[in-house]
Amino acid sequence: MKPIPANMLGEIIVDQDKIGLIVNRVAKNIYYSRDYIDNVPVLLCLREGAIPFFTDLKKELDTLDFHYDSAELSAKSYKGNQSSGTVEITSYSGPSLKNRLVIIVEDVIDSSTTIVAIYKYLVSEGVSQQNICTLLFKEKPENSEWRKTGLDGFKDYPEIRYVGLFIPDQFIVGYGLDYRNYGRDCKDICVLTPHGQAWIDARYQD
């Protein structure tokens, strides 16, 4: 864990109490969906940032006696605080995905790059249906067309079935989200200030 000094962080976007309420609501939305009647889904965690959300979501679903299988997939698309424009899928662990219904669990949708690449990868693995669950969705210009359709599919965009919270287009850390591996352990989700980014850049080593 690499903490960030508090004076390097800006506004708290979501505090830990609100995170708990959001996770509870998302879990209930999944539980009451008709999609999973007589159909056990694969709950797919996109490491590393989504791990805290994935872990807490599973706890809520377990409390509801919701049945699922777990899986994890690693993908990388960021260099620093910007998307590289390409996505590398590095590993998968879990059951066979062929003919399965998958709930993709993501920490934040910043752009379509990562989620579309993963969607296409899962299609190639023979997945029968994909429902995307994201804790956060950034309201940024390039996502506006996605939102016009109600997040239920636009061009090659996959459907986003569950959204915890819509947030402004700011760079954030905490609750698994990081900048160069700093800030994942912050209990709240906070804005990382430009001064904070510079502080981390000065200490970062590839």
Protein backbone atom coordinates (compact mmCIF):
# COMPACT_ATOMS: atom_id res chain seq x y z
CA MET A 1 0.00 0.00 0.00
CA LYS A 2 1.29 3.44 -0.95
CA PRO A 3 -0.65 6.17 0.88
CA ILE A 4 -1.03 9.74 -0.31
CA PRO A 5 -0.70 12.58 2.23
CA ALA A 6 -4.09 14.10 3.05
CA ASN A 7 -3.00 17.57 1.89
CA MET A 8 -2.45 16.14 -1.61
CA LEU A 9 -6.11 15.12 -1.87
CA GLY A 10 -9.01 17.33 -2.85
CA GLU A 11 -12.75 16.94 -2.46
CA ILE A 12 -14.21 13.71 -1.14
CA ILE A 13 -16.42 12.46 -3.98
CA VAL A 14 -17.87 9.50 -2.06
CA ASP A 15 -17.20 8.81 1.62
CA GLN A 16 -16.98 5.27 2.98
CA ASP A 17 -20.48 5.38 4.51
CA LYS A 18 -22.04 6.34 1.18
CA ILE A 19 -19.97 3.66 -0.57
CA GLY A 20 -21.59 1.10 1.71
CA LEU A 21 -25.07 2.32 0.84
CA ILE A 22 -24.28 2.28 -2.88
CA VAL A 23 -22.95 -1.28 -2.75
CA ASN A 24 -26.05 -2.41 -0.85
CA ARG A 25 -28.33 -0.83 -3.45
CA VAL A 26 -26.43 -2.33 -6.39
CA ALA A 27 -26.52 -5.78 -4.78
CA LYS A 28 -30.30 -5.55 -4.38
CA ASN A 29 -30.70 -4.43 -7.99
CA ILE A 30 -28.82 -7.56 -9.06
CA TYR A 31 -30.74 -9.79 -6.67
CA TYR A 32 -34.15 -8.65 -7.92
CA SER A 33 -33.27 -8.86 -11.62
CA ARG A 34 -35.16 -11.46 -13.65
CA ASP A 35 -31.95 -12.32 -15.50
CA TYR A 36 -30.76 -14.60 -12.73
CA ILE A 37 -33.87 -16.68 -12.09
CA ASP A 38 -32.67 -20.27 -12.61
CA ASN A 39 -29.44 -18.89 -14.07
CA VAL A 40 -26.31 -18.71 -11.90
CA PRO A 41 -24.10 -15.89 -13.25
CA VAL A 42 -20.34 -15.53 -13.20
CA LEU A 43 -19.36 -12.47 -11.16
CA LEU A 44 -16.24 -11.23 -12.96
CA CYS A 45 -13.89 -8.86 -11.12
CA LEU A 46 -11.68 -6.56 -13.17
CA ARG A 47 -8.53 -6.41 -11.06
CA GLU A 48 -6.91 -4.45 -9.39
CA GLY A 49 -9.06 -1.41 -8.81
CA ALA A 50 -12.37 -3.26 -8.62
CA ILE A 51 -11.30 -5.67 -5.86
CA PRO A 52 -12.74 -3.69 -2.89
CA PHE A 53 -16.06 -3.13 -4.70
CA PHE A 54 -16.13 -6.79 -5.82
CA THR A 55 -15.41 -8.02 -2.30
CA ASP A 56 -18.08 -5.85 -0.68
CA LEU A 57 -20.59 -6.65 -3.42
CA LYS A 58 -20.11 -10.38 -2.85
CA LYS A 59 -20.69 -9.93 0.89
CA GLU A 60 -23.99 -8.17 0.19
CA LEU A 61 -25.05 -10.82 -2.33
CA ASP A 62 -24.14 -13.59 0.13
CA THR A 63 -26.36 -11.94 2.73
CA LEU A 64 -29.19 -12.03 0.19
CA ASP A 65 -28.46 -15.73 -0.51
CA PHE A 66 -27.77 -14.92 -4.17
CA HIS A 67 -25.94 -17.71 -6.01
CA TYR A 68 -23.02 -16.92 -8.33
CA ASP A 69 -19.60 -18.14 -9.42
CA SER A 70 -16.53 -15.92 -9.00
CA ALA A 71 -13.87 -15.07 -11.57
CA GLU A 72 -11.12 -12.49 -12.02
CA LEU A 73 -9.65 -10.87 -15.10
CA SER A 74 -6.68 -8.52 -15.35
CA ALA A 75 -6.56 -5.82 -18.00
CA LYS A 76 -4.39 -2.74 -18.37
CA SER A 77 -5.11 0.42 -20.33
CA TYR A 78 -3.62 3.27 -18.27
CA LYS A 79 -0.28 5.03 -18.39
CA GLY A 80 -0.21 7.45 -15.48
CA ASN A 81 -3.58 9.20 -15.39
CA GLN A 82 -4.44 8.79 -19.07
CA SER A 83 -5.84 5.85 -21.02
CA SER A 84 -3.22 4.49 -23.41
CA GLY A 85 -5.90 3.79 -26.02
CA THR A 86 -5.09 0.09 -26.10
CA VAL A 87 -6.06 -2.66 -23.68
CA GLU A 88 -3.92 -5.63 -22.70
CA ILE A 89 -5.78 -8.55 -21.13
CA THR A 90 -3.10 -10.28 -19.06
CA SER A 91 -4.83 -13.09 -17.17
CA TYR A 92 -8.11 -14.83 -16.34
CA SER A 93 -8.95 -17.14 -13.47
CA GLY A 94 -12.32 -18.78 -12.94
CA PRO A 95 -14.74 -21.24 -14.49
CA SER A 96 -15.28 -21.76 -18.21
CA LEU A 97 -17.22 -18.82 -19.63
CA LYS A 98 -18.75 -20.62 -22.57
CA ASN A 99 -22.54 -20.19 -22.62
CA ARG A 100 -22.47 -18.39 -19.26
CA LEU A 101 -24.15 -15.16 -18.18
CA VAL A 102 -21.44 -12.82 -16.86
CA ILE A 103 -21.74 -9.78 -14.60
CA ILE A 104 -18.65 -7.65 -15.23
CA VAL A 105 -17.73 -5.80 -12.03
CA GLU A 106 -15.79 -2.60 -12.70
CA ASP A 107 -14.62 0.18 -10.39
CA VAL A 108 -15.07 3.12 -12.75
CA ILE A 109 -15.97 3.63 -16.39
CA ASP A 110 -13.81 6.49 -17.57
CA SER A 111 -14.05 5.81 -21.29
CA SER A 112 -15.31 2.96 -23.44
CA THR A 113 -11.81 1.64 -24.22
CA THR A 114 -11.37 -0.98 -21.50
CA ILE A 115 -14.94 -2.17 -21.17
CA VAL A 116 -15.44 -2.57 -24.94
CA ALA A 117 -12.21 -4.57 -25.22
CA ILE A 118 -13.28 -6.85 -22.37
CA TYR A 119 -16.75 -7.18 -23.87
CA LYS A 120 -15.22 -8.36 -27.16
CA TYR A 121 -12.86 -10.72 -25.34
CA LEU A 122 -15.78 -12.34 -23.52
CA VAL A 123 -17.70 -12.69 -26.78
CA SER A 124 -14.70 -14.59 -28.16
CA GLU A 125 -14.88 -16.88 -25.11
CA GLY A 126 -18.46 -17.81 -25.94
CA VAL A 127 -20.27 -15.87 -23.19
CA SER A 128 -24.04 -15.93 -23.76
CA GLN A 129 -24.86 -12.59 -22.07
CA GLN A 130 -22.93 -9.78 -20.39
CA ASN A 131 -24.31 -7.35 -17.82
CA ILE A 132 -21.93 -4.62 -16.71
CA CYS A 133 -21.89 -3.40 -13.12
CA THR A 134 -19.78 -0.33 -12.35
CA LEU A 135 -19.41 1.50 -9.06
CA LEU A 136 -18.74 4.83 -10.83
CA PHE A 137 -19.45 6.28 -14.26
CA LYS A 138 -17.67 9.48 -15.30
CA GLU A 139 -19.81 12.10 -17.01
CA LYS A 140 -17.43 13.24 -19.73
CA PRO A 141 -18.07 14.45 -23.29
CA GLU A 142 -17.00 11.22 -25.00
CA ASN A 143 -19.51 9.28 -22.90
CA SER A 144 -22.48 11.48 -23.80
CA GLU A 145 -23.63 9.34 -26.75
CA TRP A 146 -23.50 6.28 -24.52
CA ARG A 147 -25.81 7.95 -22.04
CA LYS A 148 -28.33 8.98 -24.70
CA THR A 149 -29.27 5.33 -25.12
CA GLY A 150 -29.77 4.82 -21.39
CA LEU A 151 -26.49 2.87 -21.28
CA ASP A 152 -28.22 -0.08 -22.93
CA GLY A 153 -26.02 -0.33 -25.97
CA PHE A 154 -24.75 2.23 -28.50
CA LYS A 155 -22.87 1.14 -31.63
CA ASP A 156 -20.25 -1.26 -30.26
CA TYR A 157 -20.76 -0.22 -26.65
CA PRO A 158 -21.93 -3.00 -24.32
CA GLU A 159 -24.86 -2.55 -21.98
CA ILE A 160 -24.25 -1.07 -18.55
CA ARG A 161 -26.97 -2.58 -16.38
CA TYR A 162 -25.92 -1.36 -12.91
CA VAL A 163 -24.36 2.02 -12.04
CA GLY A 164 -23.54 2.97 -8.46
CA LEU A 165 -22.98 6.68 -9.00
CA PHE A 166 -22.43 9.18 -11.80
CA ILE A 167 -19.48 11.49 -11.07
CA PRO A 168 -17.75 14.49 -12.70
CA ASP A 169 -14.75 13.99 -14.98
CA GLN A 170 -12.04 14.24 -12.33
CA PHE A 171 -9.10 11.99 -11.52
CA ILE A 172 -9.88 10.08 -8.35
CA VAL A 173 -8.21 7.69 -5.92
CA GLY A 174 -9.33 5.52 -3.03
CA TYR A 175 -11.36 2.33 -2.47
CA GLY A 176 -9.12 0.47 -4.90
CA LEU A 177 -8.65 3.32 -7.37
CA ASP A 178 -5.06 4.47 -7.72
CA TYR A 179 -2.58 6.72 -9.45
CA ARG A 180 0.67 4.87 -10.19
CA ASN A 181 -0.22 2.41 -7.37
CA TYR A 182 -0.68 5.21 -4.82
CA GLY A 183 -3.94 5.82 -2.97
CA ARG A 184 -5.72 2.46 -3.30
CA ASP A 185 -6.08 2.11 0.48
CA CYS A 186 -7.87 5.41 1.09
CA LYS A 187 -11.28 4.57 2.61
CA ASP A 188 -13.02 7.44 0.83
CA ILE A 189 -12.96 8.17 -2.91
CA CYS A 190 -11.23 11.52 -3.33
CA VAL A 191 -10.03 13.85 -6.06
CA LEU A 192 -6.27 13.68 -6.58
CA THR A 193 -5.01 17.24 -6.96
CA PRO A 194 -2.46 18.25 -9.63
CA HIS A 195 -0.03 18.87 -6.75
CA GLY A 196 -0.68 15.33 -5.57
CA GLN A 197 -0.06 13.93 -9.04
CA ALA A 198 3.24 15.79 -9.23
CA TRP A 199 4.21 14.49 -5.77
CA ILE A 200 3.59 10.92 -6.89
CA ASP A 201 5.32 11.43 -10.25
CA ALA A 202 8.46 12.51 -8.39
CA ARG A 203 8.45 9.23 -6.45
CA TYR A 204 7.26 6.85 -9.18
CA GLN A 205 9.51 4.16 -10.56
CA ASP A 206 8.52 1.82 -13.41
